[in-house]
Amino acid sequence: MGKAVLHNLIDLLNESDTDVIYKILIKFIPETEPLPDEIKAIERAEKEIANGDVSDFDSIDWGTL
């Protein structure tokens, strides 16, 4: 069975079943190790969150950006 067969089967699914199938399929996709700059960005974000140096999404005035 090839990917084309799976693709065609997915096209036959009811829309309500796509979430379940997604959760199953995503488990088969290999994870990649984060790059050094990605690790630094995550660490920086975690520090900023811990220090309260972040803005609430709802408090941003998107009209001035």
PDB file of N, CA and C in Angstrom:
ATOM      1  N   MET A   1       0.862  -1.177   0.000  1.00  0.00           N
ATOM      2  CA  MET A   1       0.000   0.000   0.000  1.00  0.00           C
ATOM      3  C   MET A   1       0.899   1.227   0.000  1.00  0.00           C
ATOM      4  N   GLY A   2       0.606   2.143  -0.889  1.00  0.00           N
ATOM      5  CA  GLY A   2       1.389   3.361  -0.979  1.00  0.00           C
ATOM      6  C   GLY A   2       0.688   4.550  -0.347  1.00  0.00           C
ATOM      7  N   LYS A   3       1.392   5.659  -0.348  1.00  0.00           N
ATOM      8  CA  LYS A   3       0.833   6.886   0.217  1.00  0.00           C
ATOM      9  C   LYS A   3      -0.404   7.342  -0.550  1.00  0.00           C
ATOM     10  N   ALA A   4      -0.437   7.067  -1.836  1.00  0.00           N
ATOM     11  CA  ALA A   4      -1.586   7.479  -2.644  1.00  0.00           C
ATOM     12  C   ALA A   4      -2.858   6.776  -2.175  1.00  0.00           C
ATOM     13  N   VAL A   5      -2.733   5.526  -1.789  1.00  0.00           N
ATOM     14  CA  VAL A   5      -3.899   4.786  -1.287  1.00  0.00           C
ATOM     15  C   VAL A   5      -4.380   5.406   0.017  1.00  0.00           C
ATOM     16  N   LEU A   6      -3.440   5.716   0.909  1.00  0.00           N
ATOM     17  CA  LEU A   6      -3.820   6.353   2.179  1.00  0.00           C
ATOM     18  C   LEU A   6      -4.472   7.716   1.921  1.00  0.00           C
ATOM     19  N   HIS A   7      -3.921   8.460   0.999  1.00  0.00           N
ATOM     20  CA  HIS A   7      -4.481   9.768   0.659  1.00  0.00           C
ATOM     21  C   HIS A   7      -5.922   9.623   0.189  1.00  0.00           C
ATOM     22  N   ASN A   8      -6.160   8.663  -0.661  1.00  0.00           N
ATOM     23  CA  ASN A   8      -7.522   8.442  -1.156  1.00  0.00           C
ATOM     24  C   ASN A   8      -8.467   8.006  -0.045  1.00  0.00           C
ATOM     25  N   LEU A   9      -7.977   7.190   0.883  1.00  0.00           N
ATOM     26  CA  LEU A   9      -8.810   6.770   2.014  1.00  0.00           C
ATOM     27  C   LEU A   9      -9.165   7.966   2.898  1.00  0.00           C
ATOM     28  N   ILE A  10      -8.204   8.836   3.105  1.00  0.00           N
ATOM     29  CA  ILE A  10      -8.451  10.023   3.925  1.00  0.00           C
ATOM     30  C   ILE A  10      -9.507  10.902   3.270  1.00  0.00           C
ATOM     31  N   ASP A  11      -9.458  11.000   1.949  1.00  0.00           N
ATOM     32  CA  ASP A  11     -10.469  11.789   1.239  1.00  0.00           C
ATOM     33  C   ASP A  11     -11.879  11.233   1.431  1.00  0.00           C
ATOM     34  N   LEU A  12     -11.997   9.946   1.745  1.00  0.00           N
ATOM     35  CA  LEU A  12     -13.305   9.326   1.927  1.00  0.00           C
ATOM     36  C   LEU A  12     -13.870   9.491   3.339  1.00  0.00           C
ATOM     37  N   LEU A  13     -13.047   9.980   4.273  1.00  0.00           N
ATOM     38  CA  LEU A  13     -13.485  10.119   5.663  1.00  0.00           C
ATOM     39  C   LEU A  13     -14.571  11.175   5.827  1.00  0.00           C
ATOM     40  N   ASN A  14     -15.398  10.951   6.834  1.00  0.00           N
ATOM     41  CA  ASN A  14     -16.329  11.999   7.251  1.00  0.00           C
ATOM     42  C   ASN A  14     -15.517  13.093   7.926  1.00  0.00           C
ATOM     43  N   GLU A  15     -15.955  14.321   7.773  1.00  0.00           N
ATOM     44  CA  GLU A  15     -15.238  15.443   8.381  1.00  0.00           C
ATOM     45  C   GLU A  15     -15.090  15.274   9.894  1.00  0.00           C
ATOM     46  N   SER A  16     -16.062  14.660  10.525  1.00  0.00           N
ATOM     47  CA  SER A  16     -16.013  14.490  11.978  1.00  0.00           C
ATOM     48  C   SER A  16     -14.939  13.493  12.418  1.00  0.00           C
ATOM     49  N   ASP A  17     -14.448  12.669  11.512  1.00  0.00           N
ATOM     50  CA  ASP A  17     -13.425  11.685  11.853  1.00  0.00           C
ATOM     51  C   ASP A  17     -12.001  12.181  11.624  1.00  0.00           C
ATOM     52  N   THR A  18     -11.847  13.329  10.999  1.00  0.00           N
ATOM     53  CA  THR A  18     -10.508  13.780  10.639  1.00  0.00           C
ATOM     54  C   THR A  18      -9.636  14.071  11.861  1.00  0.00           C
ATOM     55  N   ASP A  19     -10.225  14.548  12.938  1.00  0.00           N
ATOM     56  CA  ASP A  19      -9.443  14.845  14.142  1.00  0.00           C
ATOM     57  C   ASP A  19      -8.834  13.562  14.711  1.00  0.00           C
ATOM     58  N   VAL A  20      -9.612  12.512  14.751  1.00  0.00           N
ATOM     59  CA  VAL A  20      -9.115  11.233  15.280  1.00  0.00           C
ATOM     60  C   VAL A  20      -7.995  10.692  14.407  1.00  0.00           C
ATOM     61  N   ILE A  21      -8.191  10.716  13.115  1.00  0.00           N
ATOM     62  CA  ILE A  21      -7.179  10.221  12.183  1.00  0.00           C
ATOM     63  C   ILE A  21      -5.915  11.066  12.273  1.00  0.00           C
ATOM     64  N   TYR A  22      -6.072  12.382  12.393  1.00  0.00           N
ATOM     65  CA  TYR A  22      -4.917  13.270  12.535  1.00  0.00           C
ATOM     66  C   TYR A  22      -4.088  12.875  13.753  1.00  0.00           C
ATOM     67  N   LYS A  23      -4.744  12.677  14.889  1.00  0.00           N
ATOM     68  CA  LYS A  23      -4.029  12.323  16.117  1.00  0.00           C
ATOM     69  C   LYS A  23      -3.289  10.998  15.984  1.00  0.00           C
ATOM     70  N   ILE A  24      -3.824  10.084  15.213  1.00  0.00           N
ATOM     71  CA  ILE A  24      -3.157   8.803  14.997  1.00  0.00           C
ATOM     72  C   ILE A  24      -1.966   8.979  14.049  1.00  0.00           C
ATOM     73  N   LEU A  25      -2.182   9.655  12.937  1.00  0.00           N
ATOM     74  CA  LEU A  25      -1.128   9.806  11.933  1.00  0.00           C
ATOM     75  C   LEU A  25       0.054  10.616  12.448  1.00  0.00           C
ATOM     76  N   ILE A  26      -0.213  11.636  13.236  1.00  0.00           N
ATOM     77  CA  ILE A  26       0.851  12.517  13.722  1.00  0.00           C
ATOM     78  C   ILE A  26       1.862  11.758  14.571  1.00  0.00           C
ATOM     79  N   LYS A  27       1.447  10.670  15.183  1.00  0.00           N
ATOM     80  CA  LYS A  27       2.346   9.863  16.002  1.00  0.00           C
ATOM     81  C   LYS A  27       3.397   9.140  15.159  1.00  0.00           C
ATOM     82  N   PHE A  28       3.176   9.012  13.864  1.00  0.00           N
ATOM     83  CA  PHE A  28       4.108   8.307  12.991  1.00  0.00           C
ATOM     84  C   PHE A  28       5.109   9.232  12.314  1.00  0.00           C
ATOM     85  N   ILE A  29       4.967  10.538  12.500  1.00  0.00           N
ATOM     86  CA  ILE A  29       5.891  11.488  11.901  1.00  0.00           C
ATOM     87  C   ILE A  29       7.074  11.659  12.849  1.00  0.00           C
ATOM     88  N   PRO A  30       8.286  11.402  12.349  1.00  0.00           N
ATOM     89  CA  PRO A  30       9.455  11.498  13.236  1.00  0.00           C
ATOM     90  C   PRO A  30       9.682  12.930  13.693  1.00  0.00           C
ATOM     91  N   GLU A  31      10.060  13.042  14.940  1.00  0.00           N
ATOM     92  CA  GLU A  31      10.371  14.354  15.494  1.00  0.00           C
ATOM     93  C   GLU A  31      11.831  14.673  15.211  1.00  0.00           C
ATOM     94  N   THR A  32      12.104  15.934  14.992  1.00  0.00           N
ATOM     95  CA  THR A  32      13.476  16.359  14.774  1.00  0.00           C
ATOM     96  C   THR A  32      13.974  17.087  16.013  1.00  0.00           C
ATOM     97  N   GLU A  33      15.263  16.999  16.224  1.00  0.00           N
ATOM     98  CA  GLU A  33      15.860  17.704  17.352  1.00  0.00           C
ATOM     99  C   GLU A  33      15.873  19.199  17.045  1.00  0.00           C
ATOM    100  N   PRO A  34      15.584  20.027  18.047  1.00  0.00           N
ATOM    101  CA  PRO A  34      15.607  21.472  17.809  1.00  0.00           C
ATOM    102  C   PRO A  34      17.034  21.956  17.539  1.00  0.00           C
ATOM    103  N   LEU A  35      17.146  22.976  16.716  1.00  0.00           N
ATOM    104  CA  LEU A  35      18.440  23.575  16.415  1.00  0.00           C
ATOM    105  C   LEU A  35      18.895  24.418  17.608  1.00  0.00           C
ATOM    106  N   PRO A  36      20.198  24.673  17.718  1.00  0.00           N
ATOM    107  CA  PRO A  36      20.696  25.460  18.860  1.00  0.00           C
ATOM    108  C   PRO A  36      20.008  26.815  19.017  1.00  0.00           C
ATOM    109  N   ASP A  37      19.746  27.517  17.904  1.00  0.00           N
ATOM    110  CA  ASP A  37      19.081  28.817  18.027  1.00  0.00           C
ATOM    111  C   ASP A  37      17.635  28.672  18.478  1.00  0.00           C
ATOM    112  N   GLU A  38      17.003  27.551  18.137  1.00  0.00           N
ATOM    113  CA  GLU A  38      15.635  27.300  18.598  1.00  0.00           C
ATOM    114  C   GLU A  38      15.623  27.040  20.102  1.00  0.00           C
ATOM    115  N   ILE A  39      16.610  26.315  20.582  1.00  0.00           N
ATOM    116  CA  ILE A  39      16.704  26.058  22.025  1.00  0.00           C
ATOM    117  C   ILE A  39      16.913  27.361  22.776  1.00  0.00           C
ATOM    118  N   LYS A  40      17.790  28.231  22.256  1.00  0.00           N
ATOM    119  CA  LYS A  40      18.022  29.532  22.891  1.00  0.00           C
ATOM    120  C   LYS A  40      16.745  30.372  22.915  1.00  0.00           C
ATOM    121  N   ALA A  41      15.993  30.339  21.830  1.00  0.00           N
ATOM    122  CA  ALA A  41      14.749  31.118  21.761  1.00  0.00           C
ATOM    123  C   ALA A  41      13.721  30.604  22.765  1.00  0.00           C
ATOM    124  N   ILE A  42      13.640  29.297  22.913  1.00  0.00           N
ATOM    125  CA  ILE A  42      12.714  28.703  23.889  1.00  0.00           C
ATOM    126  C   ILE A  42      13.125  29.080  25.302  1.00  0.00           C
ATOM    127  N   GLU A  43      14.432  28.986  25.590  1.00  0.00           N
ATOM    128  CA  GLU A  43      14.925  29.339  26.924  1.00  0.00           C
ATOM    129  C   GLU A  43      14.653  30.813  27.232  1.00  0.00           C
ATOM    130  N   ARG A  44      14.880  31.688  26.236  1.00  0.00           N
ATOM    131  CA  ARG A  44      14.622  33.116  26.424  1.00  0.00           C
ATOM    132  C   ARG A  44      13.139  33.370  26.693  1.00  0.00           C
ATOM    133  N   ALA A  45      12.288  32.707  25.937  1.00  0.00           N
ATOM    134  CA  ALA A  45      10.847  32.876  26.126  1.00  0.00           C
ATOM    135  C   ALA A  45      10.414  32.403  27.509  1.00  0.00           C
ATOM    136  N   GLU A  46      10.958  31.273  27.949  1.00  0.00           N
ATOM    137  CA  GLU A  46      10.607  30.757  29.276  1.00  0.00           C
ATOM    138  C   GLU A  46      11.034  31.729  30.368  1.00  0.00           C
ATOM    139  N   LYS A  47      12.213  32.358  30.214  1.00  0.00           N
ATOM    140  CA  LYS A  47      12.680  33.348  31.194  1.00  0.00           C
ATOM    141  C   LYS A  47      11.766  34.574  31.196  1.00  0.00           C
ATOM    142  N   GLU A  48      11.395  35.037  29.992  1.00  0.00           N
ATOM    143  CA  GLU A  48      10.527  36.208  29.903  1.00  0.00           C
ATOM    144  C   GLU A  48       9.162  35.941  30.525  1.00  0.00           C
ATOM    145  N   ILE A  49       8.648  34.755  30.316  1.00  0.00           N
ATOM    146  CA  ILE A  49       7.365  34.382  30.923  1.00  0.00           C
ATOM    147  C   ILE A  49       7.499  34.333  32.439  1.00  0.00           C
ATOM    148  N   ALA A  50       8.579  33.715  32.923  1.00  0.00           N
ATOM    149  CA  ALA A  50       8.795  33.604  34.370  1.00  0.00           C
ATOM    150  C   ALA A  50       8.947  34.976  35.019  1.00  0.00           C
ATOM    151  N   ASN A  51       9.564  35.929  34.302  1.00  0.00           N
ATOM    152  CA  ASN A  51       9.766  37.278  34.836  1.00  0.00           C
ATOM    153  C   ASN A  51       8.562  38.191  34.620  1.00  0.00           C
ATOM    154  N   GLY A  52       7.560  37.707  33.900  1.00  0.00           N
ATOM    155  CA  GLY A  52       6.391  38.523  33.623  1.00  0.00           C
ATOM    156  C   GLY A  52       6.633  39.560  32.541  1.00  0.00           C
ATOM    157  N   ASP A  53       7.668  39.359  31.730  1.00  0.00           N
ATOM    158  CA  ASP A  53       8.015  40.308  30.671  1.00  0.00           C
ATOM    159  C   ASP A  53       7.298  40.007  29.364  1.00  0.00           C
ATOM    160  N   VAL A  54       6.038  39.674  29.453  1.00  0.00           N
ATOM    161  CA  VAL A  54       5.249  39.368  28.264  1.00  0.00           C
ATOM    162  C   VAL A  54       3.947  40.156  28.327  1.00  0.00           C
ATOM    163  N   SER A  55       3.340  40.326  27.159  1.00  0.00           N
ATOM    164  CA  SER A  55       2.063  41.027  27.090  1.00  0.00           C
ATOM    165  C   SER A  55       0.948  40.022  26.843  1.00  0.00           C
ATOM    166  N   ASP A  56      -0.172  40.279  27.446  1.00  0.00           N
ATOM    167  CA  ASP A  56      -1.353  39.466  27.192  1.00  0.00           C
ATOM    168  C   ASP A  56      -1.805  39.717  25.761  1.00  0.00           C
ATOM    169  N   PHE A  57      -2.134  38.670  25.057  1.00  0.00           N
ATOM    170  CA  PHE A  57      -2.534  38.766  23.657  1.00  0.00           C
ATOM    171  C   PHE A  57      -3.672  39.757  23.465  1.00  0.00           C
ATOM    172  N   ASP A  58      -4.631  39.756  24.362  1.00  0.00           N
ATOM    173  CA  ASP A  58      -5.787  40.638  24.243  1.00  0.00           C
ATOM    174  C   ASP A  58      -5.461  42.100  24.508  1.00  0.00           C
ATOM    175  N   SER A  59      -4.328  42.370  25.174  1.00  0.00           N
ATOM    176  CA  SER A  59      -3.982  43.762  25.503  1.00  0.00           C
ATOM    177  C   SER A  59      -3.196  44.446  24.396  1.00  0.00           C
ATOM    178  N   ILE A  60      -2.846  43.745  23.337  1.00  0.00           N
ATOM    179  CA  ILE A  60      -2.097  44.344  22.233  1.00  0.00           C
ATOM    180  C   ILE A  60      -3.039  45.156  21.356  1.00  0.00           C
ATOM    181  N   ASP A  61      -2.637  46.375  21.038  1.00  0.00           N
ATOM    182  CA  ASP A  61      -3.419  47.225  20.142  1.00  0.00           C
ATOM    183  C   ASP A  61      -2.950  46.943  18.714  1.00  0.00           C
ATOM    184  N   TRP A  62      -3.617  46.014  18.051  1.00  0.00           N
ATOM    185  CA  TRP A  62      -3.213  45.550  16.735  1.00  0.00           C
ATOM    186  C   TRP A  62      -3.371  46.623  15.672  1.00  0.00           C
ATOM    187  N   GLY A  63      -4.179  47.632  15.941  1.00  0.00           N
ATOM    188  CA  GLY A  63      -4.383  48.698  14.958  1.00  0.00           C
ATOM    189  C   GLY A  63      -3.184  49.594  14.784  1.00  0.00           C
ATOM    190  N   THR A  64      -2.281  49.619  15.760  1.00  0.00           N
ATOM    191  CA  THR A  64      -1.112  50.494  15.678  1.00  0.00           C
ATOM    192  C   THR A  64       0.114  49.782  15.163  1.00  0.00           C
ATOM    193  N   LEU A  65       0.003  48.531  14.855  1.00  0.00           N
ATOM    194  CA  LEU A  65       1.178  47.799  14.368  1.00  0.00           C
ATOM    195  C   LEU A  65       1.365  47.955  12.895  1.00  0.00           C
TER     196      LEU A  65
END
